Protein backbone atom coordinates (compact mmCIF):
# COMPACT_ATOMS: atom_id res chain seq x y z
CA MET A 1 99.89 115.26 88.93
CA PRO A 2 97.50 114.07 86.01
CA THR A 3 96.44 110.22 85.66
CA ASP A 4 98.08 109.79 82.44
CA SER A 5 101.57 111.26 83.89
CA LEU A 6 101.28 108.34 87.08
CA SER A 7 100.40 105.42 84.54
CA ARG A 8 103.40 105.91 83.47
CA LEU A 9 106.36 106.65 86.51
CA PRO A 10 108.34 103.21 86.38
CA ILE A 11 107.39 100.15 88.70
CA ARG A 12 111.11 99.33 90.48
CA ARG A 13 112.05 96.42 92.89
CA LEU A 14 112.40 97.95 97.10
CA THR A 15 115.71 97.28 99.10
CA LEU A 16 116.69 98.07 102.34
CA ARG A 17 117.63 101.98 101.77
CA ASP A 18 113.25 102.44 100.98
CA LEU A 19 112.88 101.20 104.47
CA ALA A 20 111.66 104.65 106.49
CA ALA A 21 109.96 105.52 102.49
CA CYS A 22 108.52 102.40 103.35
CA ALA A 23 107.51 103.40 107.21
CA ASP A 24 106.52 106.81 106.01
CA LEU A 25 103.62 105.71 103.25
CA SER A 26 101.89 102.93 106.27
CA GLU A 27 102.37 106.67 108.41
CA ASN A 28 100.77 108.44 105.35
CA ARG A 29 97.50 106.28 104.98
CA GLY A 30 96.81 105.82 109.12
CA TRP A 31 98.89 102.64 109.80
CA PRO A 32 101.54 102.18 111.95
CA ARG A 33 104.69 103.12 110.41
CA GLU A 34 106.33 99.45 111.26
CA GLU A 35 109.74 99.99 110.31
CA HIS A 36 110.44 96.58 111.81
CA LYS A 37 108.57 94.22 109.68
CA TRP A 38 108.83 96.69 106.74
CA GLY A 39 112.92 95.53 107.38
CA PHE A 40 112.34 91.82 107.86
CA LEU A 41 110.02 92.06 104.20
CA LEU A 42 112.19 94.09 102.45
CA THR A 43 115.16 91.61 103.53
CA ALA A 44 113.34 87.52 103.69
CA GLY A 45 111.28 89.32 100.10
CA LYS A 46 110.55 91.10 97.26
CA GLY A 47 109.64 94.90 97.90
CA TYR A 48 107.37 96.63 94.48
CA GLY A 49 106.96 100.80 94.11
CA ILE A 50 106.32 102.94 92.56
CA ASP A 51 109.02 106.70 92.87
CA ASP A 52 107.03 110.21 93.54
CA PRO A 53 108.46 112.62 91.43
CA ASP A 54 108.02 115.23 94.23
CA GLY A 55 109.87 112.66 97.28
CA GLY A 56 109.10 109.92 98.44
CA LEU A 57 107.44 106.68 96.78
CA VAL A 58 103.65 106.61 95.58
CA SER A 59 102.84 102.68 96.28
CA ALA A 60 104.25 99.85 97.25
CA CYS A 61 103.94 96.49 98.56
CA VAL A 62 105.99 93.16 98.76
CA VAL A 63 105.54 89.05 97.70
CA THR A 64 107.81 86.87 100.03
CA GLU A 65 108.51 83.85 98.12
CA TYR A 66 108.17 80.26 99.55
CA GLY A 67 109.94 76.53 97.92
CA ALA A 68 112.44 76.61 95.20
CA GLN A 69 114.52 79.28 94.76
CA ASP A 70 114.03 78.83 91.55
CA GLN A 71 110.71 78.03 90.69
CA PRO A 72 108.57 78.98 94.09
CA SER A 73 105.30 77.07 94.81
CA LEU A 74 103.48 80.40 95.93
CA GLY A 75 104.16 83.62 96.55
CA ALA A 76 102.18 85.39 99.89
CA VAL A 77 101.80 89.25 98.79
CA GLY A 78 101.23 92.26 101.82
CA MET A 79 101.75 95.38 102.41
CA VAL A 80 99.99 96.72 99.47
CA LEU A 81 100.13 100.33 99.95
CA VAL A 82 98.67 103.22 97.77
CA ALA A 83 99.81 107.12 98.84
CA GLU A 84 95.85 109.07 99.89
CA ARG A 85 96.88 112.31 97.14
CA HIS A 86 96.83 109.47 95.02
CA ALA A 87 94.14 107.35 95.44
CA ARG A 88 91.49 105.96 93.40
CA GLN A 89 93.54 106.42 90.85
CA GLY A 90 94.37 102.67 89.80
CA LEU A 91 97.95 102.63 90.93
CA GLY A 92 97.52 99.10 93.34
CA ARG A 93 95.64 97.95 90.67
CA ARG A 94 98.34 98.42 88.56
CA LEU A 95 101.40 97.16 90.99
CA MET A 96 99.16 94.31 91.43
CA ARG A 97 98.67 93.61 87.75
CA HIS A 98 102.16 94.23 87.71
CA VAL A 99 103.12 91.14 90.82
CA VAL A 100 100.50 88.62 89.44
CA SER A 101 102.54 89.54 85.63
CA SER A 102 105.96 88.68 87.58
CA MET A 103 105.37 86.18 89.44
CA GLY A 104 103.86 84.18 86.08
CA THR A 105 102.61 80.52 87.22
CA THR A 106 102.93 80.94 90.45
CA PRO A 107 99.75 80.49 93.41
CA LEU A 108 99.67 83.71 94.91
CA THR A 109 97.83 84.28 98.76
CA LEU A 110 96.98 86.99 100.31
CA HIS A 111 94.65 88.77 103.56
CA ALA A 112 92.58 91.01 102.40
CA THR A 113 91.12 93.85 104.20
CA PRO A 114 87.20 94.06 103.45
CA ASN A 115 88.24 98.17 101.31
CA GLY A 116 91.00 96.05 99.50
CA ARG A 117 88.91 92.60 98.33
CA PRO A 118 87.04 94.29 95.56
CA LEU A 119 89.96 95.20 94.15
CA TYR A 120 91.75 91.70 94.33
CA GLU A 121 88.47 89.81 93.18
CA GLU A 122 88.75 92.00 89.76
CA LEU A 123 92.51 90.58 89.09
CA GLY A 124 91.47 87.07 90.14
CA PHE A 125 91.70 86.37 93.39
CA LYS A 126 89.10 83.93 95.50
CA VAL A 127 88.62 84.12 99.18
CA THR A 128 89.23 80.76 101.02
CA GLY A 129 88.97 81.31 104.22
CA ARG A 130 89.17 83.88 106.46
CA ALA A 131 91.25 85.42 110.00
CA GLU A 132 90.36 86.76 113.16
CA MET A 133 92.69 90.02 114.73
CA LEU A 134 92.92 89.58 118.21
CA ARG A 135 94.80 92.17 119.99
CA GLY A 136 94.18 93.30 123.68
CA HIS A 137 96.56 92.13 127.26
CA PHE A 138 96.58 88.13 128.07
CA THR A 139 95.27 87.53 131.43
CA PRO A 140 97.36 84.14 132.48
CA GLY A 141 95.21 81.24 133.93
CA ASP A 142 96.29 78.12 134.91
CA PRO A 143 98.81 75.91 132.86
CA VAL A 144 97.89 74.70 130.31
CA PRO A 145 97.95 70.70 131.50
CA GLY A 146 99.71 67.61 129.86
CA VAL A 147 101.94 70.58 126.83
CA VAL A 148 105.55 70.89 127.35
CA THR A 149 106.76 73.99 126.04
CA ARG A 150 110.14 75.23 126.26
CA ALA A 151 112.48 77.95 125.14
CA ALA A 152 113.41 77.67 121.41
CA THR A 153 117.59 77.04 120.12
CA ALA A 154 119.58 76.99 117.94
CA GLU A 155 119.39 73.46 117.61
CA ASP A 156 116.09 73.45 117.36
CA LEU A 157 116.12 74.90 113.27
CA THR A 158 116.27 71.43 111.81
CA ALA A 159 113.16 70.46 113.34
CA ILE A 160 111.25 73.00 113.31
CA LEU A 161 111.95 73.79 109.83
CA ARG A 162 112.00 70.47 108.84
CA LEU A 163 107.85 70.49 111.25
CA ASP A 164 107.11 74.20 109.31
CA GLU A 165 107.58 72.68 105.36
CA GLU A 166 105.24 69.73 106.37
CA VAL A 167 102.42 72.49 108.52
CA PHE A 168 102.58 75.21 106.27
CA GLY A 169 103.27 73.07 102.83
CA ALA A 170 106.14 75.07 101.67
CA ASP A 171 109.90 75.86 102.19
CA ARG A 172 110.21 78.84 104.07
CA THR A 173 114.03 78.42 104.77
CA PRO A 174 114.95 82.13 104.29
CA VAL A 175 112.19 82.87 106.02
CA ILE A 176 112.55 80.97 109.25
CA THR A 177 115.95 80.84 109.46
CA ARG A 178 115.90 84.69 110.24
CA LEU A 179 112.64 84.29 112.63
CA PRO A 180 115.23 84.17 115.80
CA ALA A 181 116.77 87.47 114.49
CA PHE A 182 113.73 89.41 114.05
CA ALA A 183 111.47 88.49 117.29
CA ASP A 184 111.82 88.69 120.41
CA ARG A 185 111.23 84.75 121.73
CA MET A 186 110.95 81.40 120.70
CA ARG A 187 109.20 78.73 121.65
CA VAL A 188 108.37 75.38 120.84
CA ALA A 189 106.69 72.40 122.35
CA GLU A 190 107.88 68.27 122.50
CA ASP A 191 105.61 65.39 123.43
CA ASP A 192 108.57 63.12 124.55
CA GLY A 193 111.91 65.22 123.35
CA ARG A 194 109.68 65.00 119.95
CA LEU A 195 108.54 68.67 117.90
CA ILE A 196 104.67 68.89 117.96
CA GLY A 197 105.23 72.63 117.61
CA TYR A 198 106.63 76.57 117.67
CA ALA A 199 105.85 80.05 117.92
CA ALA A 200 108.00 82.71 118.38
CA ALA A 201 106.44 86.88 119.72
CA TRP A 202 107.98 89.64 118.04
CA PRO A 203 108.29 93.16 118.68
CA ASN A 204 105.68 95.54 116.38
CA MET A 205 105.04 99.26 117.45
CA ASP A 206 103.82 98.25 121.52
CA THR A 207 102.74 95.30 120.80
CA HIS A 208 104.23 91.65 120.66
CA VAL A 209 102.56 89.59 117.66
CA VAL A 210 102.16 86.06 118.00
CA GLY A 211 103.11 84.58 115.10
CA PRO A 212 104.09 81.96 112.96
CA LEU A 213 101.86 79.79 115.39
CA ILE A 214 102.03 75.75 114.52
CA ALA A 215 101.09 73.09 116.87
CA ARG A 216 100.00 69.72 116.86
CA ASP A 217 96.50 70.81 118.35
CA THR A 218 94.66 73.35 120.37
CA GLU A 219 96.37 72.50 123.62
CA THR A 220 99.39 73.02 122.09
CA ALA A 221 98.34 75.68 120.90
CA LYS A 222 97.40 77.39 123.56
CA ALA A 223 100.52 76.65 125.68
CA LEU A 224 102.88 78.50 122.86
CA ILE A 225 100.54 81.23 123.58
CA ALA A 226 100.89 81.38 126.97
CA THR A 227 104.17 80.98 128.07
CA LEU A 228 105.08 83.66 125.17
CA ALA A 229 102.70 86.24 126.62
CA ALA A 230 103.87 84.93 130.28
CA HIS A 231 107.53 87.38 128.95
CA THR A 232 105.91 90.84 128.08
CA ASP A 233 104.37 93.19 129.83
CA ARG A 234 102.81 94.73 126.05
CA PRO A 235 99.53 93.99 124.80
CA LEU A 236 99.19 90.29 122.59
CA ARG A 237 98.22 90.76 118.87
CA THR A 238 97.89 87.28 116.86
CA ASP A 239 95.42 86.58 113.62
CA ILE A 240 93.72 83.68 113.92
CA ASP A 241 92.61 80.79 111.47
CA VAL A 242 88.77 81.36 112.74
CA ARG A 243 88.27 77.56 112.07
CA HIS A 244 89.97 77.20 115.29
CA ALA A 245 87.14 78.70 117.02
CA GLU A 246 88.12 76.60 119.79
CA LEU A 247 91.47 78.66 120.22
CA LEU A 248 89.54 81.88 119.21
CA THR A 249 87.05 81.15 122.42
CA TRP A 250 90.42 80.81 124.87
CA ALA A 251 92.27 83.98 124.23
CA LYS A 252 88.88 85.68 123.86
CA GLU A 253 88.42 84.78 127.36
CA ARG A 254 92.14 85.08 128.53
CA GLY A 255 91.44 89.23 127.81
CA LEU A 256 92.21 89.56 123.39
CA ALA A 257 89.42 91.40 121.76
CA GLY A 258 88.10 90.68 118.12
CA VAL A 259 89.62 94.01 116.58
CA SER A 260 88.57 92.57 112.89
CA PHE A 261 88.09 90.06 110.15
CA ASN A 262 90.40 89.62 107.02
CA SER A 263 89.53 87.31 103.58
CA VAL A 264 92.71 84.89 102.92
CA MET A 265 92.39 84.78 99.05
CA THR A 266 94.13 83.08 96.83
CA TYR A 267 95.09 82.93 93.02
CA GLY A 268 96.27 79.85 90.82
CA ILE A 269 95.27 77.37 93.81
CA THR A 270 91.52 76.72 94.95
CA GLU A 271 92.55 76.39 99.28
CA LEU A 272 96.34 76.99 100.22
CA PRO A 273 98.32 74.10 100.81
CA GLY A 274 99.53 72.14 103.95
CA ASP A 275 97.36 71.83 106.60
CA TRP A 276 95.71 74.16 108.79
CA THR A 277 94.78 71.86 111.33
CA ARG A 278 97.61 72.79 112.59
CA ARG A 279 98.58 75.95 111.28
CA PHE A 280 96.89 77.94 113.66
CA ALA A 281 98.63 81.96 112.32
CA PRO A 282 100.47 83.29 110.67
CA LEU A 283 104.20 84.89 110.87
CA THR A 284 102.25 88.05 109.71
CA VAL A 285 99.51 89.06 107.44
CA ALA A 286 101.94 90.54 105.21
CA ALA A 287 103.92 87.24 104.48
CA GLY A 288 101.29 83.93 105.66
């Protein structure tokens, strides 16, 4: 299809009916299909896409909004994909410009691969951080002393939401309340009955992804990862803020290997809100 014809194709909202087409698009670009993650993001966030007249999707992305429903304080952009046969024809740029325009004055954030970073910089996004993706079979070690963790229950939800908003810097209620159904396991850490951290492990193809990971300190983060790892035979994957050097070193000593780095980028703000010292890993790089 000529480039000028592609530029006239309408951008529309995606729904769960587009789940298979989104997974097909991921597969087309050499990504895992990730249907479980796509389903979560299309439910918790807003999907945008361009239909291919020959079938399927030409391009797609998802925006997850945080804060007040009528006036979000932050939007996370992820899963930005363009079909291989239509790559390098400006479709990703067009879709991203649509997202930026539709979000108005709401600040945005995303995790960019080295290949995607130039496009986002062209659109005005700035690099404000870095995360390292780790993957591998976790090797158990001695229990982390002084940290008490247990399985999360429904009664913990209010405290989890309170801690999450305090650390993340924005209300993520629509996402966090979906987490128990999305994740296979959730753990909380306590100190004298007070919640000081929580984490989840959710299935993604042949791995379990650890995220979100929010903890009072590095020792608490270690304990949460270790107890989640103890209940799965799958490789673990997580994306850790590189400023948490001690946790990265510990995780690598336990069998996780560095796979790649992503740039954390923002638009409309100079840095992410919240407390990065207690924010160790995102729920997913596609949603912050």
